[in-house]
N, C-alpha and C. Protein backbone atom coordinates (compact mmCIF):
# COMPACT_ATOMS: atom_id res chain seq x y z
N MET A 1 -66.57 -19.67 68.24
CA MET A 1 -66.59 -20.79 67.34
C MET A 1 -65.46 -21.74 67.69
N THR A 2 -65.79 -22.97 67.67
CA THR A 2 -64.78 -23.99 67.95
C THR A 2 -64.49 -24.75 66.66
N PRO A 3 -63.24 -25.16 66.48
CA PRO A 3 -62.92 -25.92 65.27
C PRO A 3 -63.63 -27.27 65.29
N SER A 4 -63.88 -27.77 64.10
CA SER A 4 -64.58 -29.05 64.00
C SER A 4 -63.66 -30.16 64.47
N LYS A 5 -64.26 -31.13 65.07
CA LYS A 5 -63.49 -32.26 65.58
C LYS A 5 -63.16 -33.20 64.43
N ARG A 6 -61.88 -33.62 64.38
CA ARG A 6 -61.45 -34.57 63.35
C ARG A 6 -60.94 -35.82 64.05
N THR A 7 -61.16 -36.92 63.42
CA THR A 7 -60.64 -38.16 63.97
C THR A 7 -59.15 -38.27 63.61
N PRO A 8 -58.39 -39.09 64.32
CA PRO A 8 -56.98 -39.25 63.98
C PRO A 8 -56.76 -39.76 62.56
N GLN A 9 -57.67 -40.58 62.05
CA GLN A 9 -57.52 -41.07 60.67
C GLN A 9 -57.67 -39.93 59.66
N GLN A 10 -58.62 -39.03 59.91
CA GLN A 10 -58.80 -37.88 59.01
C GLN A 10 -57.57 -36.98 59.04
N ARG A 11 -57.04 -36.80 60.24
CA ARG A 11 -55.86 -35.96 60.38
C ARG A 11 -54.67 -36.59 59.64
N ASP A 12 -54.47 -37.90 59.77
CA ASP A 12 -53.37 -38.58 59.09
C ASP A 12 -53.52 -38.51 57.58
N ARG A 13 -54.75 -38.67 57.07
CA ARG A 13 -54.99 -38.58 55.63
C ARG A 13 -54.68 -37.18 55.12
N ARG A 14 -55.05 -36.18 55.89
CA ARG A 14 -54.80 -34.80 55.49
C ARG A 14 -53.28 -34.53 55.43
N PHE A 15 -52.54 -34.99 56.44
CA PHE A 15 -51.08 -34.82 56.43
C PHE A 15 -50.46 -35.57 55.26
N ALA A 16 -50.96 -36.75 54.95
CA ALA A 16 -50.43 -37.52 53.83
C ALA A 16 -50.66 -36.78 52.52
N ARG A 17 -51.86 -36.19 52.36
CA ARG A 17 -52.13 -35.41 51.14
C ARG A 17 -51.18 -34.22 51.03
N VAL A 18 -50.98 -33.52 52.13
CA VAL A 18 -50.08 -32.36 52.12
C VAL A 18 -48.65 -32.81 51.80
N ARG A 19 -48.22 -33.95 52.37
CA ARG A 19 -46.89 -34.46 52.09
C ARG A 19 -46.73 -34.81 50.61
N HIS A 20 -47.74 -35.43 50.02
CA HIS A 20 -47.68 -35.79 48.59
C HIS A 20 -47.63 -34.55 47.70
N VAL A 21 -48.39 -33.53 48.06
CA VAL A 21 -48.39 -32.30 47.26
C VAL A 21 -47.03 -31.63 47.33
N THR A 22 -46.47 -31.51 48.55
CA THR A 22 -45.15 -30.86 48.66
C THR A 22 -44.07 -31.69 47.99
N GLN A 23 -44.17 -33.02 48.04
CA GLN A 23 -43.20 -33.87 47.35
C GLN A 23 -43.29 -33.68 45.84
N ALA A 24 -44.49 -33.59 45.31
CA ALA A 24 -44.67 -33.38 43.86
C ALA A 24 -44.11 -32.03 43.45
N ILE A 25 -44.33 -31.01 44.24
CA ILE A 25 -43.80 -29.67 43.93
C ILE A 25 -42.27 -29.69 43.96
N PHE A 26 -41.70 -30.35 44.96
CA PHE A 26 -40.25 -30.42 45.08
C PHE A 26 -39.63 -31.17 43.89
N LEU A 27 -40.18 -32.33 43.55
CA LEU A 27 -39.63 -33.10 42.44
C LEU A 27 -39.80 -32.36 41.11
N GLY A 28 -40.92 -31.68 40.93
CA GLY A 28 -41.12 -30.90 39.70
C GLY A 28 -40.12 -29.76 39.59
N SER A 29 -39.85 -29.08 40.69
CA SER A 29 -38.89 -27.97 40.64
C SER A 29 -37.47 -28.49 40.41
N CYS A 30 -37.14 -29.65 40.96
CA CYS A 30 -35.81 -30.23 40.72
C CYS A 30 -35.64 -30.61 39.25
N ALA A 31 -36.67 -31.23 38.67
CA ALA A 31 -36.59 -31.61 37.26
C ALA A 31 -36.49 -30.37 36.38
N THR A 32 -37.26 -29.35 36.69
CA THR A 32 -37.22 -28.11 35.90
C THR A 32 -35.85 -27.44 35.99
N SER A 33 -35.29 -27.38 37.18
CA SER A 33 -33.98 -26.74 37.31
C SER A 33 -32.90 -27.57 36.62
N ALA A 34 -32.99 -28.89 36.65
CA ALA A 34 -32.01 -29.72 35.95
C ALA A 34 -32.10 -29.51 34.44
N LEU A 35 -33.31 -29.42 33.92
CA LEU A 35 -33.47 -29.16 32.49
C LEU A 35 -32.91 -27.79 32.12
N PHE A 36 -33.17 -26.79 32.96
CA PHE A 36 -32.67 -25.45 32.68
C PHE A 36 -31.14 -25.41 32.72
N VAL A 37 -30.54 -26.08 33.69
CA VAL A 37 -29.07 -26.11 33.77
C VAL A 37 -28.49 -26.79 32.53
N GLY A 38 -29.11 -27.88 32.08
CA GLY A 38 -28.64 -28.54 30.87
C GLY A 38 -28.75 -27.65 29.65
N TYR A 39 -29.87 -26.95 29.54
CA TYR A 39 -30.07 -26.03 28.41
C TYR A 39 -29.06 -24.89 28.46
N ALA A 40 -28.86 -24.31 29.64
CA ALA A 40 -27.92 -23.19 29.76
C ALA A 40 -26.49 -23.63 29.45
N ALA A 41 -26.12 -24.82 29.89
CA ALA A 41 -24.77 -25.32 29.61
C ALA A 41 -24.60 -25.55 28.12
N ASN A 42 -25.62 -26.08 27.46
CA ASN A 42 -25.53 -26.32 26.03
C ASN A 42 -25.47 -25.00 25.26
N ALA A 43 -26.26 -24.02 25.68
CA ALA A 43 -26.26 -22.72 25.01
C ALA A 43 -24.92 -22.01 25.21
N ALA A 44 -24.36 -22.10 26.39
CA ALA A 44 -23.07 -21.45 26.65
C ALA A 44 -21.96 -22.14 25.89
N HIS A 45 -22.07 -23.44 25.71
CA HIS A 45 -21.02 -24.19 25.00
C HIS A 45 -20.96 -23.80 23.53
N THR A 46 -22.09 -23.53 22.89
CA THR A 46 -22.08 -23.19 21.47
C THR A 46 -21.62 -21.77 21.23
N LEU A 47 -21.65 -20.91 22.24
CA LEU A 47 -21.24 -19.53 22.04
C LEU A 47 -19.75 -19.32 22.27
N THR A 48 -19.04 -20.31 22.76
CA THR A 48 -17.61 -20.18 23.02
C THR A 48 -16.85 -20.17 21.71
N THR A 49 -16.01 -19.15 21.50
CA THR A 49 -15.21 -19.07 20.29
C THR A 49 -13.75 -18.90 20.67
N VAL A 50 -12.88 -19.34 19.80
CA VAL A 50 -11.45 -19.22 20.01
C VAL A 50 -10.89 -18.45 18.82
N PRO A 51 -10.19 -17.33 19.05
CA PRO A 51 -9.62 -16.60 17.92
C PRO A 51 -8.48 -17.39 17.29
N ALA A 52 -8.44 -17.38 15.97
CA ALA A 52 -7.39 -18.10 15.26
C ALA A 52 -6.85 -17.23 14.14
N THR A 53 -5.55 -17.33 13.90
CA THR A 53 -4.93 -16.60 12.81
C THR A 53 -4.40 -17.62 11.81
N THR A 54 -4.50 -17.30 10.52
CA THR A 54 -4.05 -18.23 9.48
C THR A 54 -3.17 -17.48 8.50
N THR A 55 -2.01 -18.05 8.20
CA THR A 55 -1.10 -17.50 7.21
C THR A 55 -1.02 -18.50 6.06
N THR A 56 -1.17 -18.01 4.81
CA THR A 56 -1.18 -18.90 3.67
C THR A 56 0.02 -18.62 2.78
N THR A 57 0.75 -19.67 2.39
CA THR A 57 1.87 -19.58 1.47
C THR A 57 1.59 -20.53 0.31
N THR A 58 1.77 -20.05 -0.93
CA THR A 58 1.48 -20.89 -2.09
C THR A 58 2.78 -21.30 -2.77
N THR A 59 2.90 -22.60 -3.08
CA THR A 59 4.05 -23.14 -3.78
C THR A 59 3.54 -23.97 -4.95
N THR A 60 4.20 -23.84 -6.10
CA THR A 60 3.79 -24.61 -7.27
C THR A 60 4.81 -25.71 -7.51
N THR A 61 4.32 -26.96 -7.66
CA THR A 61 5.17 -28.10 -7.88
C THR A 61 4.64 -28.85 -9.09
N THR A 62 5.55 -29.29 -9.96
CA THR A 62 5.14 -30.05 -11.13
C THR A 62 5.54 -31.50 -10.90
N THR A 63 4.57 -32.40 -11.09
CA THR A 63 4.86 -33.81 -10.92
C THR A 63 4.49 -34.55 -12.18
N SER A 64 5.14 -35.64 -12.41
CA SER A 64 4.86 -36.45 -13.58
C SER A 64 4.51 -37.85 -13.09
N ALA A 65 3.40 -38.39 -13.56
CA ALA A 65 2.98 -39.72 -13.15
C ALA A 65 3.75 -40.76 -13.94
N PRO A 66 4.13 -41.88 -13.34
CA PRO A 66 4.88 -42.91 -14.07
C PRO A 66 3.98 -43.61 -15.09
N THR A 67 4.58 -44.01 -16.18
CA THR A 67 3.85 -44.70 -17.24
C THR A 67 4.05 -46.19 -17.05
N THR A 68 2.95 -46.95 -17.09
CA THR A 68 3.06 -48.40 -16.91
C THR A 68 2.54 -49.10 -18.16
N THR A 69 3.17 -50.21 -18.45
CA THR A 69 2.74 -51.03 -19.58
C THR A 69 2.44 -52.41 -19.05
N SER A 70 1.30 -52.96 -19.45
CA SER A 70 0.97 -54.31 -19.00
C SER A 70 0.54 -55.13 -20.21
N THR A 71 0.90 -56.39 -20.18
CA THR A 71 0.54 -57.30 -21.26
C THR A 71 -0.33 -58.39 -20.68
N VAL A 72 -1.43 -58.71 -21.36
CA VAL A 72 -2.36 -59.73 -20.88
C VAL A 72 -2.22 -60.95 -21.78
N HIS A 73 -1.99 -62.11 -21.19
CA HIS A 73 -1.92 -63.36 -21.92
C HIS A 73 -3.14 -64.19 -21.56
N ARG A 74 -3.86 -64.68 -22.55
CA ARG A 74 -5.02 -65.51 -22.30
C ARG A 74 -4.78 -66.89 -22.88
N THR A 75 -5.32 -67.85 -22.21
CA THR A 75 -5.22 -69.22 -22.74
C THR A 75 -6.36 -69.46 -23.71
N THR A 76 -6.15 -70.35 -24.62
CA THR A 76 -7.16 -70.64 -25.62
C THR A 76 -8.29 -71.43 -24.98
N PRO A 77 -9.54 -70.97 -25.11
CA PRO A 77 -10.64 -71.71 -24.51
C PRO A 77 -10.88 -73.02 -25.25
N THR A 78 -11.47 -73.97 -24.57
CA THR A 78 -11.73 -75.29 -25.16
C THR A 78 -13.12 -75.38 -25.78
N THR A 79 -13.84 -74.31 -25.81
CA THR A 79 -15.18 -74.35 -26.43
C THR A 79 -15.05 -74.09 -27.92
N THR A 80 -16.17 -74.24 -28.61
CA THR A 80 -16.16 -74.07 -30.06
C THR A 80 -16.30 -72.62 -30.48
N VAL A 81 -16.40 -71.72 -29.52
CA VAL A 81 -16.52 -70.30 -29.85
C VAL A 81 -15.15 -69.82 -30.30
N PRO A 82 -15.08 -69.10 -31.42
CA PRO A 82 -13.78 -68.62 -31.86
C PRO A 82 -13.21 -67.64 -30.84
N SER A 83 -11.94 -67.76 -30.61
CA SER A 83 -11.31 -66.90 -29.61
C SER A 83 -10.80 -65.62 -30.26
N THR A 84 -10.79 -64.57 -29.46
CA THR A 84 -10.26 -63.30 -29.94
C THR A 84 -9.09 -62.93 -29.05
N THR A 85 -8.16 -62.28 -29.62
CA THR A 85 -7.01 -61.85 -28.82
C THR A 85 -7.23 -60.40 -28.42
N VAL A 86 -6.85 -60.12 -27.23
CA VAL A 86 -7.01 -58.77 -26.71
C VAL A 86 -5.65 -58.12 -26.67
N THR A 87 -5.56 -56.98 -27.27
CA THR A 87 -4.30 -56.24 -27.22
C THR A 87 -4.56 -54.95 -26.45
N THR A 88 -3.67 -54.62 -25.59
CA THR A 88 -3.81 -53.40 -24.81
C THR A 88 -2.70 -52.45 -25.18
N THR A 89 -3.05 -51.20 -25.21
CA THR A 89 -2.03 -50.18 -25.46
C THR A 89 -1.83 -49.43 -24.16
N PRO A 90 -0.61 -49.11 -23.83
CA PRO A 90 -0.37 -48.41 -22.57
C PRO A 90 -0.97 -47.01 -22.61
N ARG A 91 -1.54 -46.63 -21.53
CA ARG A 91 -2.14 -45.31 -21.41
C ARG A 91 -1.09 -44.34 -20.87
N THR A 92 -1.03 -43.17 -21.44
CA THR A 92 -0.07 -42.18 -20.95
C THR A 92 -0.81 -41.16 -20.12
N VAL A 93 -0.24 -40.81 -19.02
CA VAL A 93 -0.84 -39.84 -18.12
C VAL A 93 -0.17 -38.51 -18.37
N PRO A 94 -0.95 -37.48 -18.66
CA PRO A 94 -0.34 -36.18 -18.92
C PRO A 94 0.26 -35.59 -17.63
N THR A 95 1.24 -34.75 -17.80
CA THR A 95 1.87 -34.09 -16.68
C THR A 95 0.95 -32.97 -16.20
N VAL A 96 0.68 -32.95 -14.91
CA VAL A 96 -0.26 -31.98 -14.34
C VAL A 96 0.49 -31.11 -13.34
N ALA A 97 0.30 -29.80 -13.43
CA ALA A 97 0.89 -28.90 -12.45
C ALA A 97 -0.03 -28.87 -11.23
N THR A 98 0.53 -29.10 -10.06
CA THR A 98 -0.26 -29.14 -8.83
C THR A 98 0.14 -27.95 -7.96
N THR A 99 -0.85 -27.28 -7.42
CA THR A 99 -0.60 -26.16 -6.51
C THR A 99 -0.78 -26.66 -5.09
N VAL A 100 0.23 -26.51 -4.27
CA VAL A 100 0.18 -26.95 -2.88
C VAL A 100 0.16 -25.71 -2.00
N LYS A 101 -0.83 -25.63 -1.12
CA LYS A 101 -0.90 -24.51 -0.20
C LYS A 101 -0.38 -24.95 1.15
N LYS A 102 0.58 -24.21 1.65
CA LYS A 102 1.08 -24.48 2.99
C LYS A 102 0.37 -23.54 3.94
N VAL A 103 -0.25 -24.11 4.95
CA VAL A 103 -1.00 -23.32 5.92
C VAL A 103 -0.30 -23.44 7.26
N ALA A 104 -0.05 -22.30 7.87
CA ALA A 104 0.59 -22.30 9.18
C ALA A 104 -0.40 -22.87 10.19
N PRO A 105 0.06 -23.59 11.19
CA PRO A 105 -0.86 -24.15 12.19
C PRO A 105 -1.55 -23.02 12.95
N THR A 106 -2.80 -23.26 13.30
CA THR A 106 -3.54 -22.24 14.04
C THR A 106 -3.11 -22.28 15.49
N THR A 107 -3.15 -21.11 16.10
CA THR A 107 -2.78 -21.05 17.51
C THR A 107 -4.01 -21.34 18.33
N VAL A 108 -3.85 -22.16 19.32
CA VAL A 108 -4.96 -22.54 20.20
C VAL A 108 -4.79 -21.79 21.50
N TYR A 109 -5.89 -21.27 22.01
CA TYR A 109 -5.86 -20.52 23.26
C TYR A 109 -5.52 -21.45 24.42
N THR A 110 -4.49 -21.10 25.14
CA THR A 110 -4.11 -21.86 26.33
C THR A 110 -4.37 -20.98 27.54
N PRO A 111 -5.27 -21.40 28.42
CA PRO A 111 -5.56 -20.55 29.58
C PRO A 111 -4.35 -20.46 30.49
N PRO A 112 -4.20 -19.34 31.17
CA PRO A 112 -3.05 -19.19 32.06
C PRO A 112 -3.16 -20.14 33.25
N THR A 113 -2.03 -20.61 33.70
CA THR A 113 -2.03 -21.49 34.87
C THR A 113 -1.75 -20.66 36.11
N THR A 114 -2.31 -21.07 37.22
CA THR A 114 -2.09 -20.34 38.46
C THR A 114 -0.90 -20.94 39.18
N ALA A 115 -0.16 -20.08 39.80
CA ALA A 115 1.01 -20.53 40.55
C ALA A 115 0.55 -21.15 41.86
N PRO A 116 1.18 -22.21 42.30
CA PRO A 116 0.78 -22.80 43.57
C PRO A 116 1.07 -21.86 44.73
N VAL A 117 0.19 -21.86 45.70
CA VAL A 117 0.35 -20.99 46.85
C VAL A 117 1.12 -21.76 47.91
N THR A 118 2.22 -21.19 48.32
CA THR A 118 3.03 -21.84 49.35
C THR A 118 2.99 -20.96 50.59
N THR A 119 2.62 -21.57 51.69
CA THR A 119 2.62 -20.85 52.96
C THR A 119 3.43 -21.65 53.96
N THR A 120 4.00 -20.95 54.89
CA THR A 120 4.76 -21.63 55.93
C THR A 120 3.86 -21.81 57.14
N THR A 121 4.02 -22.93 57.79
CA THR A 121 3.25 -23.21 58.99
C THR A 121 4.10 -22.84 60.21
N VAL A 122 3.51 -22.03 61.06
CA VAL A 122 4.21 -21.59 62.27
C VAL A 122 3.53 -22.25 63.46
N CYS A 123 4.30 -22.92 64.29
CA CYS A 123 3.76 -23.56 65.47
C CYS A 123 4.37 -22.92 66.71
N SER A 124 3.54 -22.76 67.71
CA SER A 124 4.04 -22.24 68.99
C SER A 124 3.41 -23.07 70.10
N SER A 125 4.09 -23.08 71.23
CA SER A 125 3.57 -23.86 72.36
C SER A 125 3.45 -22.95 73.57
N THR A 126 2.49 -23.30 74.41
CA THR A 126 2.27 -22.54 75.65
C THR A 126 3.04 -23.22 76.78
N PRO A 127 3.21 -22.52 77.88
CA PRO A 127 3.94 -23.14 79.02
C PRO A 127 3.26 -24.42 79.52
N SER A 128 1.95 -24.56 79.29
CA SER A 128 1.28 -25.78 79.77
C SER A 128 1.49 -26.95 78.82
N GLY A 129 2.14 -26.75 77.66
CA GLY A 129 2.43 -27.82 76.72
C GLY A 129 1.48 -27.88 75.54
N ARG A 130 0.58 -26.95 75.43
CA ARG A 130 -0.39 -26.93 74.31
C ARG A 130 0.30 -26.36 73.07
N VAL A 131 0.19 -27.07 71.92
CA VAL A 131 0.84 -26.64 70.69
C VAL A 131 -0.24 -26.07 69.75
N MET A 132 0.02 -24.88 69.21
CA MET A 132 -0.89 -24.25 68.26
C MET A 132 -0.11 -23.97 66.98
N CYS A 133 -0.68 -24.44 65.85
CA CYS A 133 -0.06 -24.21 64.55
C CYS A 133 -0.99 -23.34 63.72
N TYR A 134 -0.43 -22.37 63.05
CA TYR A 134 -1.20 -21.49 62.18
C TYR A 134 -0.38 -21.06 61.00
């Protein structure tokens, strides 16, 4: 059996179809992997926790609010409506005991820093004048 004869145009169309299919598969896999990486990064970010310790100290402080008095003066209106005078009485604010909680600052995890690596460079030369550094 001999393979069927194809014209160059048929062959080019077939290669173009194969190229388009492989391009679609490649782009689909890239998009899928990018979505998965984004999802995994988001999921890993929400699971990260930092241990914290809290110390609470309670202090009681009594404060008194200042008392203010204000007087309102009104001018007599020029209309025929009888005017009324407004008198205000100062309001007194009762003394309230306030409880203040002092909270120690939480400790934040600081990752350890790595020490810089220092190496010495050694150079040597051969009798022909070639220099090698390592």
